[in-house]
C-alpha atoms as a PDB file:
ATOM      1  CA  UNK A   1      -7.948 -47.462  -3.882  1.00  0.00           C
ATOM      2  CA  UNK A   2      -6.254 -44.110  -3.310  1.00  0.00           C
ATOM      3  CA  UNK A   3      -4.884 -43.215   0.108  1.00  0.00           C
ATOM      4  CA  UNK A   4      -3.507 -39.889   1.269  1.00  0.00           C
ATOM      5  CA  UNK A   5      -1.425 -39.578   4.422  1.00  0.00           C
ATOM      6  CA  UNK A   6      -0.506 -36.240   6.002  1.00  0.00           C
ATOM      7  CA  UNK A   7       1.870 -35.795   8.925  1.00  0.00           C
ATOM      8  CA  UNK A   8       4.729 -33.881  10.555  1.00  0.00           C
ATOM      9  CA  UNK A   9       2.686 -30.716  10.934  1.00  0.00           C
ATOM     10  CA  UNK A  10       4.600 -27.568  11.796  1.00  0.00           C
ATOM     11  CA  UNK A  11       4.948 -23.872  11.015  1.00  0.00           C
ATOM     12  CA  UNK A  12       7.188 -24.177   7.955  1.00  0.00           C
ATOM     13  CA  UNK A  13       7.507 -20.432   7.313  1.00  0.00           C
ATOM     14  CA  UNK A  14      11.093 -19.243   7.440  1.00  0.00           C
ATOM     15  CA  UNK A  15      12.436 -18.469  10.934  1.00  0.00           C
ATOM     16  CA  UNK A  16      12.004 -14.703  10.484  1.00  0.00           C
ATOM     17  CA  UNK A  17       8.347 -14.972   9.580  1.00  0.00           C
ATOM     18  CA  UNK A  18       6.637 -17.539  11.807  1.00  0.00           C
ATOM     19  CA  UNK A  19       2.837 -17.212  11.843  1.00  0.00           C
ATOM     20  CA  UNK A  20       1.855 -20.158  14.088  1.00  0.00           C
ATOM     21  CA  UNK A  21      -0.097 -21.873  11.321  1.00  0.00           C
ATOM     22  CA  UNK A  22       0.636 -25.583  10.939  1.00  0.00           C
ATOM     23  CA  UNK A  23       1.057 -27.229   7.571  1.00  0.00           C
ATOM     24  CA  UNK A  24       1.803 -30.831   6.688  1.00  0.00           C
ATOM     25  CA  UNK A  25       5.516 -31.475   6.469  1.00  0.00           C
ATOM     26  CA  UNK A  26       4.983 -34.875   4.872  1.00  0.00           C
ATOM     27  CA  UNK A  27       2.344 -35.804   2.266  1.00  0.00           C
ATOM     28  CA  UNK A  28       2.201 -39.295   0.751  1.00  0.00           C
ATOM     29  CA  UNK A  29      -0.224 -40.548  -1.893  1.00  0.00           C
ATOM     30  CA  UNK A  30      -0.678 -44.285  -2.494  1.00  0.00           C
ATOM     31  CA  UNK A  31      -2.665 -46.103  -5.159  1.00  0.00           C
ATOM     32  CA  UNK A  32      -3.457 -49.735  -4.393  1.00  0.00           C
ATOM     33  CA  UNK A  33      -0.697 -49.687  -1.809  1.00  0.00           C
ATOM     34  CA  UNK A  34       1.979 -48.269  -4.143  1.00  0.00           C
ATOM     35  CA  UNK A  35       3.480 -44.847  -3.388  1.00  0.00           C
ATOM     36  CA  UNK A  36       2.939 -42.529  -6.362  1.00  0.00           C
ATOM     37  CA  UNK A  37       3.713 -39.204  -4.695  1.00  0.00           C
ATOM     38  CA  UNK A  38       5.911 -38.452  -1.693  1.00  0.00           C
ATOM     39  CA  UNK A  39       6.224 -34.764  -0.822  1.00  0.00           C
ATOM     40  CA  UNK A  40       8.336 -33.122   1.874  1.00  0.00           C
ATOM     41  CA  UNK A  41       7.736 -29.508   2.897  1.00  0.00           C
ATOM     42  CA  UNK A  42      10.866 -27.404   3.307  1.00  0.00           C
ATOM     43  CA  UNK A  43       9.472 -23.860   3.511  1.00  0.00           C
ATOM     44  CA  UNK A  44       6.064 -22.197   3.219  1.00  0.00           C
ATOM     45  CA  UNK A  45       4.900 -18.619   2.904  1.00  0.00           C
ATOM     46  CA  UNK A  46       1.614 -18.764   4.750  1.00  0.00           C
ATOM     47  CA  UNK A  47      -0.501 -15.703   5.494  1.00  0.00           C
ATOM     48  CA  UNK A  48      -4.035 -14.245   5.497  1.00  0.00           C
ATOM     49  CA  UNK A  49      -5.208 -17.084   7.688  1.00  0.00           C
ATOM     50  CA  UNK A  50      -8.987 -17.084   7.671  1.00  0.00           C
ATOM     51  CA  UNK A  51     -11.581 -19.831   7.562  1.00  0.00           C
ATOM     52  CA  UNK A  52     -15.048 -19.291   6.093  1.00  0.00           C
ATOM     53  CA  UNK A  53     -17.581 -21.844   7.283  1.00  0.00           C
ATOM     54  CA  UNK A  54     -21.393 -22.124   7.486  1.00  0.00           C
ATOM     55  CA  UNK A  55     -23.150 -21.439  10.774  1.00  0.00           C
ATOM     56  CA  UNK A  56     -25.502 -24.259  11.873  1.00  0.00           C
ATOM     57  CA  UNK A  57     -29.185 -23.337  12.002  1.00  0.00           C
ATOM     58  CA  UNK A  58     -29.334 -24.055  15.745  1.00  0.00           C
ATOM     59  CA  UNK A  59     -26.499 -21.575  16.346  1.00  0.00           C
ATOM     60  CA  UNK A  60     -28.131 -18.946  14.153  1.00  0.00           C
ATOM     61  CA  UNK A  61     -31.358 -19.322  16.104  1.00  0.00           C
ATOM     62  CA  UNK A  62     -29.503 -18.806  19.395  1.00  0.00           C
ATOM     63  CA  UNK A  63     -27.813 -15.600  18.269  1.00  0.00           C
ATOM     64  CA  UNK A  64     -29.806 -12.662  19.595  1.00  0.00           C
ATOM     65  CA  UNK A  65     -27.492  -9.859  18.532  1.00  0.00           C
ATOM     66  CA  UNK A  66     -25.307 -10.766  15.584  1.00  0.00           C
ATOM     67  CA  UNK A  67     -21.993  -8.927  15.647  1.00  0.00           C
ATOM     68  CA  UNK A  68     -18.513  -9.295  14.217  1.00  0.00           C
ATOM     69  CA  UNK A  69     -17.239 -12.778  13.541  1.00  0.00           C
ATOM     70  CA  UNK A  70     -15.858 -14.418  16.699  1.00  0.00           C
ATOM     71  CA  UNK A  71     -12.658 -15.122  14.761  1.00  0.00           C
ATOM     72  CA  UNK A  72     -12.102 -11.725  13.173  1.00  0.00           C
ATOM     73  CA  UNK A  73     -12.267  -8.217  14.598  1.00  0.00           C
ATOM     74  CA  UNK A  74     -13.589  -6.066  11.778  1.00  0.00           C
ATOM     75  CA  UNK A  75     -11.914  -2.710  11.212  1.00  0.00           C
ATOM     76  CA  UNK A  76     -14.485  -0.016  10.516  1.00  0.00           C
ATOM     77  CA  UNK A  77     -14.030   3.687   9.929  1.00  0.00           C
ATOM     78  CA  UNK A  78     -17.745   4.369  10.281  1.00  0.00           C
ATOM     79  CA  UNK A  79     -20.001   5.970   7.671  1.00  0.00           C
ATOM     80  CA  UNK A  80     -18.419   8.104   4.975  1.00  0.00           C
ATOM     81  CA  UNK A  81     -18.709  11.794   5.963  1.00  0.00           C
ATOM     82  CA  UNK A  82     -20.969  13.980   3.892  1.00  0.00           C
ATOM     83  CA  UNK A  83     -19.290  16.260   1.323  1.00  0.00           C
ATOM     84  CA  UNK A  84     -18.234  19.614   2.684  1.00  0.00           C
ATOM     85  CA  UNK A  85     -20.698  22.464   2.240  1.00  0.00           C
ATOM     86  CA  UNK A  86     -18.280  25.152   3.457  1.00  0.00           C
ATOM     87  CA  UNK A  87     -17.293  27.930   1.037  1.00  0.00           C
ATOM     88  CA  UNK A  88     -14.135  27.324  -0.994  1.00  0.00           C
ATOM     89  CA  UNK A  89     -11.418  29.896  -0.183  1.00  0.00           C
ATOM     90  CA  UNK A  90      -9.660  31.413  -3.182  1.00  0.00           C
ATOM     91  CA  UNK A  91      -6.399  33.109  -4.030  1.00  0.00           C
ATOM     92  CA  UNK A  92      -6.086  35.112  -7.259  1.00  0.00           C
ATOM     93  CA  UNK A  93      -9.366  33.584  -8.399  1.00  0.00           C
ATOM     94  CA  UNK A  94      -8.218  29.985  -7.942  1.00  0.00           C
ATOM     95  CA  UNK A  95      -9.179  27.628  -5.099  1.00  0.00           C
ATOM     96  CA  UNK A  96      -6.677  27.987  -2.272  1.00  0.00           C
ATOM     97  CA  UNK A  97      -5.304  24.526  -1.501  1.00  0.00           C
ATOM     98  CA  UNK A  98      -3.386  25.774   1.534  1.00  0.00           C
ATOM     99  CA  UNK A  99      -3.899  23.869   4.736  1.00  0.00           C
ATOM    100  CA  UNK A 100      -3.205  20.649   6.599  1.00  0.00           C
ATOM    101  CA  UNK A 101      -4.954  17.681   5.019  1.00  0.00           C
ATOM    102  CA  UNK A 102      -5.845  14.253   6.275  1.00  0.00           C
ATOM    103  CA  UNK A 103      -6.223  11.501   3.691  1.00  0.00           C
ATOM    104  CA  UNK A 104      -8.536   8.628   4.564  1.00  0.00           C
ATOM    105  CA  UNK A 105      -6.896   5.300   3.827  1.00  0.00           C
ATOM    106  CA  UNK A 106      -8.525   2.641   1.681  1.00  0.00           C
ATOM    107  CA  UNK A 107     -11.031   0.841   3.899  1.00  0.00           C
ATOM    108  CA  UNK A 108     -10.239  -2.570   2.422  1.00  0.00           C
ATOM    109  CA  UNK A 109      -9.012  -4.584   5.387  1.00  0.00           C
ATOM    110  CA  UNK A 110     -10.740  -7.511   6.972  1.00  0.00           C
ATOM    111  CA  UNK A 111      -9.349  -6.783  10.416  1.00  0.00           C
ATOM    112  CA  UNK A 112      -6.986  -8.977  12.362  1.00  0.00           C
ATOM    113  CA  UNK A 113      -7.117 -12.443  13.855  1.00  0.00           C
ATOM    114  CA  UNK A 114      -7.879 -12.845  17.505  1.00  0.00           C
ATOM    115  CA  UNK A 115      -5.527 -15.216  19.278  1.00  0.00           C
ATOM    116  CA  UNK A 116      -6.450 -18.873  18.975  1.00  0.00           C
ATOM    117  CA  UNK A 117      -6.099 -21.322  21.883  1.00  0.00           C
ATOM    118  CA  UNK A 118      -3.137 -23.030  20.224  1.00  0.00           C
ATOM    119  CA  UNK A 119      -1.145 -19.815  19.775  1.00  0.00           C
ATOM    120  CA  UNK A 120       1.710 -18.946  22.073  1.00  0.00           C
ATOM    121  CA  UNK A 121       1.481 -16.835  25.189  1.00  0.00           C
ATOM    122  CA  UNK A 122       3.157 -13.962  23.341  1.00  0.00           C
ATOM    123  CA  UNK A 123       0.249 -13.661  20.898  1.00  0.00           C
ATOM    124  CA  UNK A 124      -1.799 -10.465  20.786  1.00  0.00           C
ATOM    125  CA  UNK A 125      -4.322  -9.110  18.295  1.00  0.00           C
ATOM    126  CA  UNK A 126      -1.735  -6.588  17.162  1.00  0.00           C
ATOM    127  CA  UNK A 127       0.860  -9.334  16.743  1.00  0.00           C
ATOM    128  CA  UNK A 128      -1.532 -11.228  14.485  1.00  0.00           C
ATOM    129  CA  UNK A 129      -2.363  -8.079  12.560  1.00  0.00           C
ATOM    130  CA  UNK A 130       1.294  -7.405  11.878  1.00  0.00           C
ATOM    131  CA  UNK A 131       2.011 -10.856  10.495  1.00  0.00           C
ATOM    132  CA  UNK A 132      -1.151 -10.806   8.366  1.00  0.00           C
ATOM    133  CA  UNK A 133      -0.649  -7.364   6.854  1.00  0.00           C
ATOM    134  CA  UNK A 134       2.078  -8.334   4.416  1.00  0.00           C
ATOM    135  CA  UNK A 135      -0.281 -10.800   2.757  1.00  0.00           C
ATOM    136  CA  UNK A 136      -3.187  -8.350   2.594  1.00  0.00           C
ATOM    137  CA  UNK A 137      -1.493  -5.238   1.220  1.00  0.00           C
ATOM    138  CA  UNK A 138      -4.125  -3.460  -0.900  1.00  0.00           C
ATOM    139  CA  UNK A 139      -1.882  -3.064  -3.968  1.00  0.00           C
ATOM    140  CA  UNK A 140      -1.165  -6.795  -3.946  1.00  0.00           C
ATOM    141  CA  UNK A 141      -4.716  -8.105  -3.505  1.00  0.00           C
ATOM    142  CA  UNK A 142      -6.898  -5.028  -3.782  1.00  0.00           C
ATOM    143  CA  UNK A 143      -9.364  -4.301  -6.566  1.00  0.00           C
ATOM    144  CA  UNK A 144      -7.253  -1.700  -8.377  1.00  0.00           C
ATOM    145  CA  UNK A 145      -3.777  -2.739  -9.460  1.00  0.00           C
ATOM    146  CA  UNK A 146      -1.512  -1.625 -12.326  1.00  0.00           C
ATOM    147  CA  UNK A 147      -1.684  -3.916 -15.364  1.00  0.00           C
ATOM    148  CA  UNK A 148       1.746  -4.854 -16.692  1.00  0.00           C
ATOM    149  CA  UNK A 149       2.696  -6.157 -20.088  1.00  0.00           C
ATOM    150  CA  UNK A 150       2.410  -9.978 -20.042  1.00  0.00           C
ATOM    151  CA  UNK A 151       6.138 -10.559 -20.401  1.00  0.00           C
ATOM    152  CA  UNK A 152       6.845  -8.530 -17.244  1.00  0.00           C
ATOM    153  CA  UNK A 153       4.576 -10.309 -14.744  1.00  0.00           C
ATOM    154  CA  UNK A 154       7.327 -12.779 -13.867  1.00  0.00           C
ATOM    155  CA  UNK A 155       9.550  -9.851 -12.890  1.00  0.00           C
ATOM    156  CA  UNK A 156       6.771  -8.330 -10.782  1.00  0.00           C
ATOM    157  CA  UNK A 157       6.275 -11.601  -8.906  1.00  0.00           C
ATOM    158  CA  UNK A 158       9.995 -12.139  -8.416  1.00  0.00           C
ATOM    159  CA  UNK A 159      10.399  -8.662  -6.936  1.00  0.00           C
ATOM    160  CA  UNK A 160       7.388  -9.274  -4.697  1.00  0.00           C
ATOM    161  CA  UNK A 161       8.829 -12.528  -3.378  1.00  0.00           C
ATOM    162  CA  UNK A 162      12.050 -10.746  -2.461  1.00  0.00           C
ATOM    163  CA  UNK A 163      10.322  -7.665  -1.065  1.00  0.00           C
ATOM    164  CA  UNK A 164      12.524  -7.675   2.024  1.00  0.00           C
ATOM    165  CA  UNK A 165      15.566  -7.105  -0.195  1.00  0.00           C
ATOM    166  CA  UNK A 166      14.306  -5.390  -3.350  1.00  0.00           C
ATOM    167  CA  UNK A 167      11.641  -2.984  -2.090  1.00  0.00           C
ATOM    168  CA  UNK A 168      13.183   0.532  -2.007  1.00  0.00           C
ATOM    169  CA  UNK A 169      11.706   0.948   1.477  1.00  0.00           C
ATOM    170  CA  UNK A 170      14.219  -1.644   2.686  1.00  0.00           C
ATOM    171  CA  UNK A 171      17.175   0.266   1.230  1.00  0.00           C
ATOM    172  CA  UNK A 172      16.305   3.674   2.647  1.00  0.00           C
ATOM    173  CA  UNK A 173      15.115   5.233  -0.606  1.00  0.00           C
ATOM    174  CA  UNK A 174      12.229   7.718  -0.635  1.00  0.00           C
ATOM    175  CA  UNK A 175       8.827   6.336  -1.610  1.00  0.00           C
ATOM    176  CA  UNK A 176       8.502   8.823  -4.445  1.00  0.00           C
ATOM    177  CA  UNK A 177       5.422   9.648  -6.482  1.00  0.00           C
ATOM    178  CA  UNK A 178       2.785   8.182  -6.507  1.00  0.00           C
ATOM    179  CA  UNK A 179       3.591   5.769  -3.651  1.00  0.00           C
ATOM    180  CA  UNK A 180       4.093   8.585  -1.152  1.00  0.00           C
ATOM    181  CA  UNK A 181       0.426   9.474  -1.552  1.00  0.00           C
ATOM    182  CA  UNK A 182      -1.092  12.943  -1.222  1.00  0.00           C
ATOM    183  CA  UNK A 183       0.658  15.749   0.667  1.00  0.00           C
ATOM    184  CA  UNK A 184      -0.097  16.323   4.323  1.00  0.00           C
ATOM    185  CA  UNK A 185       0.265  20.078   4.071  1.00  0.00           C
ATOM    186  CA  UNK A 186       0.019  22.528   1.178  1.00  0.00           C
ATOM    187  CA  UNK A 187       1.179  26.132   0.866  1.00  0.00           C
ATOM    188  CA  UNK A 188      -0.060  28.052  -2.169  1.00  0.00           C
ATOM    189  CA  UNK A 189       1.038  31.333  -3.716  1.00  0.00           C
ATOM    190  CA  UNK A 190       0.138  32.983  -6.992  1.00  0.00           C
ATOM    191  CA  UNK A 191       3.022  31.265  -8.806  1.00  0.00           C
ATOM    192  CA  UNK A 192       3.641  27.935  -7.085  1.00  0.00           C
ATOM    193  CA  UNK A 193       2.489  25.356  -4.578  1.00  0.00           C
ATOM    194  CA  UNK A 194       4.564  23.600  -1.930  1.00  0.00           C
ATOM    195  CA  UNK A 195       3.688  20.064  -0.828  1.00  0.00           C
ATOM    196  CA  UNK A 196       4.875  18.676   2.512  1.00  0.00           C
ATOM    197  CA  UNK A 197       4.752  14.910   3.119  1.00  0.00           C
ATOM    198  CA  UNK A 198       4.650  12.822   6.272  1.00  0.00           C
ATOM    199  CA  UNK A 199       7.027   9.975   7.007  1.00  0.00           C
ATOM    200  CA  UNK A 200       6.005   6.374   7.541  1.00  0.00           C
ATOM    201  CA  UNK A 201       2.967   6.348   5.269  1.00  0.00           C
ATOM    202  CA  UNK A 202       3.444   2.858   3.796  1.00  0.00           C
ATOM    203  CA  UNK A 203       4.401   0.317   6.397  1.00  0.00           C
ATOM    204  CA  UNK A 204       6.891   2.672   7.990  1.00  0.00           C
ATOM    205  CA  UNK A 205       8.469   3.754   4.702  1.00  0.00           C
ATOM    206  CA  UNK A 206       9.102   7.210   3.347  1.00  0.00           C
ATOM    207  CA  UNK A 207      10.492  10.366   4.885  1.00  0.00           C
ATOM    208  CA  UNK A 208       9.265  13.832   5.639  1.00  0.00           C
ATOM    209  CA  UNK A 209       9.747  15.475   2.240  1.00  0.00           C
ATOM    210  CA  UNK A 210       8.640  18.474   0.207  1.00  0.00           C
ATOM    211  CA  UNK A 211       8.046  19.513  -3.398  1.00  0.00           C
ATOM    212  CA  UNK A 212       7.865  23.066  -4.781  1.00  0.00           C
ATOM    213  CA  UNK A 213       5.879  23.073  -8.028  1.00  0.00           C
ATOM    214  CA  UNK A 214       5.579  26.119 -10.323  1.00  0.00           C
ATOM    215  CA  UNK A 215       2.084  27.060 -11.498  1.00  0.00           C
ATOM    216  CA  UNK A 216       3.087  30.107 -13.559  1.00  0.00           C
ATOM    217  CA  UNK A 217       2.326  28.535 -16.926  1.00  0.00           C
ATOM    218  CA  UNK A 218       5.775  27.168 -17.742  1.00  0.00           C
ATOM    219  CA  UNK A 219       6.195  23.890 -19.638  1.00  0.00           C
ATOM    220  CA  UNK A 220       8.521  20.966 -19.047  1.00  0.00           C
ATOM    221  CA  UNK A 221      12.126  21.588 -20.071  1.00  0.00           C
ATOM    222  CA  UNK A 222      13.630  18.073 -19.858  1.00  0.00           C
ATOM    223  CA  UNK A 223      17.016  19.233 -21.149  1.00  0.00           C
ATOM    224  CA  UNK A 224      17.554  21.310 -18.017  1.00  0.00           C
ATOM    225  CA  UNK A 225      15.991  19.076 -15.374  1.00  0.00           C
ATOM    226  CA  UNK A 226      17.383  16.265 -13.233  1.00  0.00           C
ATOM    227  CA  UNK A 227      15.884  12.845 -12.619  1.00  0.00           C
ATOM    228  CA  UNK A 228      14.147  12.814  -9.234  1.00  0.00           C
ATOM    229  CA  UNK A 229      12.316  10.438  -6.914  1.00  0.00           C
ATOM    230  CA  UNK A 230       9.245  12.692  -7.033  1.00  0.00           C
ATOM    231  CA  UNK A 231       9.718  13.584 -10.671  1.00  0.00           C
ATOM    232  CA  UNK A 232      10.256  16.836 -12.495  1.00  0.00           C
ATOM    233  CA  UNK A 233       6.928  18.585 -11.968  1.00  0.00           C
ATOM    234  CA  UNK A 234       5.070  21.561 -13.376  1.00  0.00           C
ATOM    235  CA  UNK A 235       1.550  22.610 -12.493  1.00  0.00           C
ATOM    236  CA  UNK A 236      -1.304  24.224 -14.365  1.00  0.00           C
ATOM    237  CA  UNK A 237      -4.876  25.149 -13.600  1.00  0.00           C
ATOM    238  CA  UNK A 238      -7.742  23.595 -15.515  1.00  0.00           C
ATOM    239  CA  UNK A 239     -10.710  25.528 -14.208  1.00  0.00           C
ATOM    240  CA  UNK A 240     -10.789  24.911 -10.437  1.00  0.00           C
ATOM    241  CA  UNK A 241      -8.511  21.849 -10.661  1.00  0.00           C
ATOM    242  CA  UNK A 242      -4.755  22.001 -10.137  1.00  0.00           C
ATOM    243  CA  UNK A 243      -3.037  19.533 -12.472  1.00  0.00           C
ATOM    244  CA  UNK A 244       0.512  18.488 -11.538  1.00  0.00           C
ATOM    245  CA  UNK A 245       2.352  16.843 -14.450  1.00  0.00           C
ATOM    246  CA  UNK A 246       5.546  14.964 -13.496  1.00  0.00           C
ATOM    247  CA  UNK A 247       8.181  13.240 -15.657  1.00  0.00           C
ATOM    248  CA  UNK A 248      11.844  12.129 -15.396  1.00  0.00           C
ATOM    249  CA  UNK A 249      11.505   9.755 -12.468  1.00  0.00           C
ATOM    250  CA  UNK A 250      14.242   7.777 -10.798  1.00  0.00           C
ATOM    251  CA  UNK A 251      13.310   4.178 -11.677  1.00  0.00           C
ATOM    252  CA  UNK A 252      14.504   2.763  -8.363  1.00  0.00           C
ATOM    253  CA  UNK A 253      11.186   3.553  -6.672  1.00  0.00           C
ATOM    254  CA  UNK A 254       8.063   1.392  -6.898  1.00  0.00           C
ATOM    255  CA  UNK A 255       4.473   2.357  -7.616  1.00  0.00           C
ATOM    256  CA  UNK A 256       3.516   0.477  -4.464  1.00  0.00           C
ATOM    257  CA  UNK A 257       4.393  -2.618  -2.504  1.00  0.00           C
ATOM    258  CA  UNK A 258       3.845  -5.816  -4.435  1.00  0.00           C
ATOM    259  CA  UNK A 259       6.837  -5.558  -6.780  1.00  0.00           C
ATOM    260  CA  UNK A 260       5.131  -2.916  -8.921  1.00  0.00           C
ATOM    261  CA  UNK A 261       8.158  -1.283 -10.523  1.00  0.00           C
ATOM    262  CA  UNK A 262       8.258   1.425 -13.196  1.00  0.00           C
ATOM    263  CA  UNK A 263      10.662   2.705 -15.830  1.00  0.00           C
ATOM    264  CA  UNK A 264      12.393   6.070 -16.070  1.00  0.00           C
ATOM    265  CA  UNK A 265       9.810   7.040 -18.718  1.00  0.00           C
ATOM    266  CA  UNK A 266       6.933   7.031 -16.243  1.00  0.00           C
ATOM    267  CA  UNK A 267       4.617  10.038 -16.267  1.00  0.00           C
ATOM    268  CA  UNK A 268       2.316  10.860 -13.347  1.00  0.00           C
ATOM    269  CA  UNK A 269      -0.664  13.209 -13.529  1.00  0.00           C
ATOM    270  CA  UNK A 270      -2.021  14.366 -10.159  1.00  0.00           C
ATOM    271  CA  UNK A 271      -5.243  16.367  -9.890  1.00  0.00           C
ATOM    272  CA  UNK A 272      -6.340  18.427  -6.869  1.00  0.00           C
ATOM    273  CA  UNK A 273      -9.924  19.759  -6.823  1.00  0.00           C
ATOM    274  CA  UNK A 274     -10.960  21.652  -3.698  1.00  0.00           C
ATOM    275  CA  UNK A 275     -14.608  22.085  -2.765  1.00  0.00           C
ATOM    276  CA  UNK A 276     -15.193  23.572   0.662  1.00  0.00           C
ATOM    277  CA  UNK A 277     -12.980  21.711   3.136  1.00  0.00           C
ATOM    278  CA  UNK A 278     -12.438  18.702   0.854  1.00  0.00           C
ATOM    279  CA  UNK A 279      -9.899  18.025  -1.881  1.00  0.00           C
ATOM    280  CA  UNK A 280     -10.514  15.312  -4.449  1.00  0.00           C
ATOM    281  CA  UNK A 281      -7.111  13.732  -5.181  1.00  0.00           C
ATOM    282  CA  UNK A 282      -6.863  11.810  -8.472  1.00  0.00           C
ATOM    283  CA  UNK A 283      -3.787  10.150  -9.980  1.00  0.00           C
ATOM    284  CA  UNK A 284      -3.075   8.593 -13.377  1.00  0.00           C
ATOM    285  CA  UNK A 285       0.196   6.762 -14.048  1.00  0.00           C
ATOM    286  CA  UNK A 286       1.419   6.336 -17.621  1.00  0.00           C
ATOM    287  CA  UNK A 287       4.408   4.139 -18.416  1.00  0.00           C
ATOM    288  CA  UNK A 288       4.282   2.651 -21.934  1.00  0.00           C
ATOM    289  CA  UNK A 289       7.551   0.837 -21.300  1.00  0.00           C
ATOM    290  CA  UNK A 290       6.094  -1.510 -18.692  1.00  0.00           C
ATOM    291  CA  UNK A 291       2.325  -0.955 -18.337  1.00  0.00           C
ATOM    292  CA  UNK A 292      -0.219  -2.395 -20.731  1.00  0.00           C
ATOM    293  CA  UNK A 293      -2.495   0.568 -20.050  1.00  0.00           C
ATOM    294  CA  UNK A 294      -2.475   3.724 -17.898  1.00  0.00           C
ATOM    295  CA  UNK A 295      -3.153   3.025 -14.243  1.00  0.00           C
ATOM    296  CA  UNK A 296      -5.962   5.214 -12.890  1.00  0.00           C
ATOM    297  CA  UNK A 297      -5.603   5.010  -9.138  1.00  0.00           C
ATOM    298  CA  UNK A 298      -8.612   4.973  -6.817  1.00  0.00           C
ATOM    299  CA  UNK A 299      -9.494   8.623  -6.016  1.00  0.00           C
ATOM    300  CA  UNK A 300      -9.101   9.778  -2.436  1.00  0.00           C
ATOM    301  CA  UNK A 301     -10.771  12.586  -0.535  1.00  0.00           C
ATOM    302  CA  UNK A 302      -8.535  14.827   1.557  1.00  0.00           C
ATOM    303  CA  UNK A 303     -10.237  16.625   4.415  1.00  0.00           C
ATOM    304  CA  UNK A 304      -9.023  19.813   6.075  1.00  0.00           C
ATOM    305  CA  UNK A 305      -7.694  19.027   9.545  1.00  0.00           C
ATOM    306  CA  UNK A 306      -9.322  21.164  12.262  1.00  0.00           C
ATOM    307  CA  UNK A 307      -6.604  20.442  14.845  1.00  0.00           C
ATOM    308  CA  UNK A 308      -4.086  23.326  14.892  1.00  0.00           C
ATOM    309  CA  UNK A 309      -1.348  20.858  15.871  1.00  0.00           C
ATOM    310  CA  UNK A 310      -2.015  18.610  12.878  1.00  0.00           C
ATOM    311  CA  UNK A 311       0.296  20.456  10.530  1.00  0.00           C
ATOM    312  CA  UNK A 312       3.369  20.283  12.725  1.00  0.00           C
ATOM    313  CA  UNK A 313       5.432  17.631  10.948  1.00  0.00           C
ATOM    314  CA  UNK A 314       8.384  16.294  12.891  1.00  0.00           C
ATOM    315  CA  UNK A 315      11.751  14.905  11.856  1.00  0.00           C
ATOM    316  CA  UNK A 316      11.403  11.617  10.005  1.00  0.00           C
ATOM    317  CA  UNK A 317      14.432  10.114  11.709  1.00  0.00           C
ATOM    318  CA  UNK A 318      17.286   8.171  10.204  1.00  0.00           C
ATOM    319  CA  UNK A 319      17.431   5.042   8.071  1.00  0.00           C
ATOM    320  CA  UNK A 320      20.267   2.540   7.872  1.00  0.00           C
ATOM    321  CA  UNK A 321      20.825  -0.411   5.559  1.00  0.00           C
ATOM    322  CA  UNK A 322      22.776  -3.053   7.430  1.00  0.00           C
ATOM    323  CA  UNK A 323      21.503  -6.549   6.726  1.00  0.00           C
ATOM    324  CA  UNK A 324      21.223  -7.083   2.961  1.00  0.00           C
ATOM    325  CA  UNK A 325      24.155  -9.504   2.928  1.00  0.00           C
ATOM    326  CA  UNK A 326      22.357 -11.685   5.479  1.00  0.00           C
ATOM    327  CA  UNK A 327      19.074 -12.044   3.572  1.00  0.00           C
ATOM    328  CA  UNK A 328      18.627 -15.602   2.387  1.00  0.00           C
ATOM    329  CA  UNK A 329      14.845 -16.095   2.695  1.00  0.00           C
ATOM    330  CA  UNK A 330      12.008 -14.416   0.872  1.00  0.00           C
ATOM    331  CA  UNK A 331       9.653 -12.324   3.011  1.00  0.00           C
ATOM    332  CA  UNK A 332       6.936 -10.051   1.729  1.00  0.00           C
ATOM    333  CA  UNK A 333       6.117  -7.054   3.873  1.00  0.00           C
END
């Protein structure tokens, strides 16, 4: 006879990351009356709290207009817009990438939990969404992640567990390429392109930044270039596609949240292909020091912003590191 006893339920997440989900604090297993396992919970890291369960036939029959799950509010961006049919503007025979561009995010999220009856009075949908997000970050659980060499996965997981201390976002460093994502505004001349970036693109990280990239046919000259957060970049045209080739990265940045680090030998290839009012943005990350294979990121479509105010990028504000000495618990973000 095997008996399991569970008790002392509580939210055992660390005090800075309570999620109002109760887990057994005491678990005892007995066999023929003899204790063979006695477990005490000291700390949990609970998140992405969802329950999938069958709907009884009688309930299905009573539903006249099926909609979103009563437990989850689904986030939807609506149908994907049709490709642009507008003419592609050109400068010196090449597509003109100039303009303010909006980049649709990856539509991967399940939504956020509605407040349950047992949750506190301070609960809101947004509150639940915030505490769930760290456990649902697309790089961590999404379908397209960088593949590291087997001996480095322990390091990736360790960094991820201590995200609140080790992620460069928490120490006021720029996001860098490719984590910063595509530029929000582009200025193009015959000999170079300038990329402007928004702040707060990854959970509040990153700063308003810019890159000026030559497209005059020059090659990399590593002997006369500094290591940079966004890399040492040169551009070239391959037909109607601008290819930006970047090397010499500062290895303190991450590819994305999730502990996905890189070495100083990383190389990033960005491709920009404009057709009408769309730009296809493609990125490949090569890092033979840490990656088992090149990481081909999920392509994104940038769409020209019609709002004349869209390109006015404000100050990104200040960042201050003040609490690293007080961090004793692991929190992903």
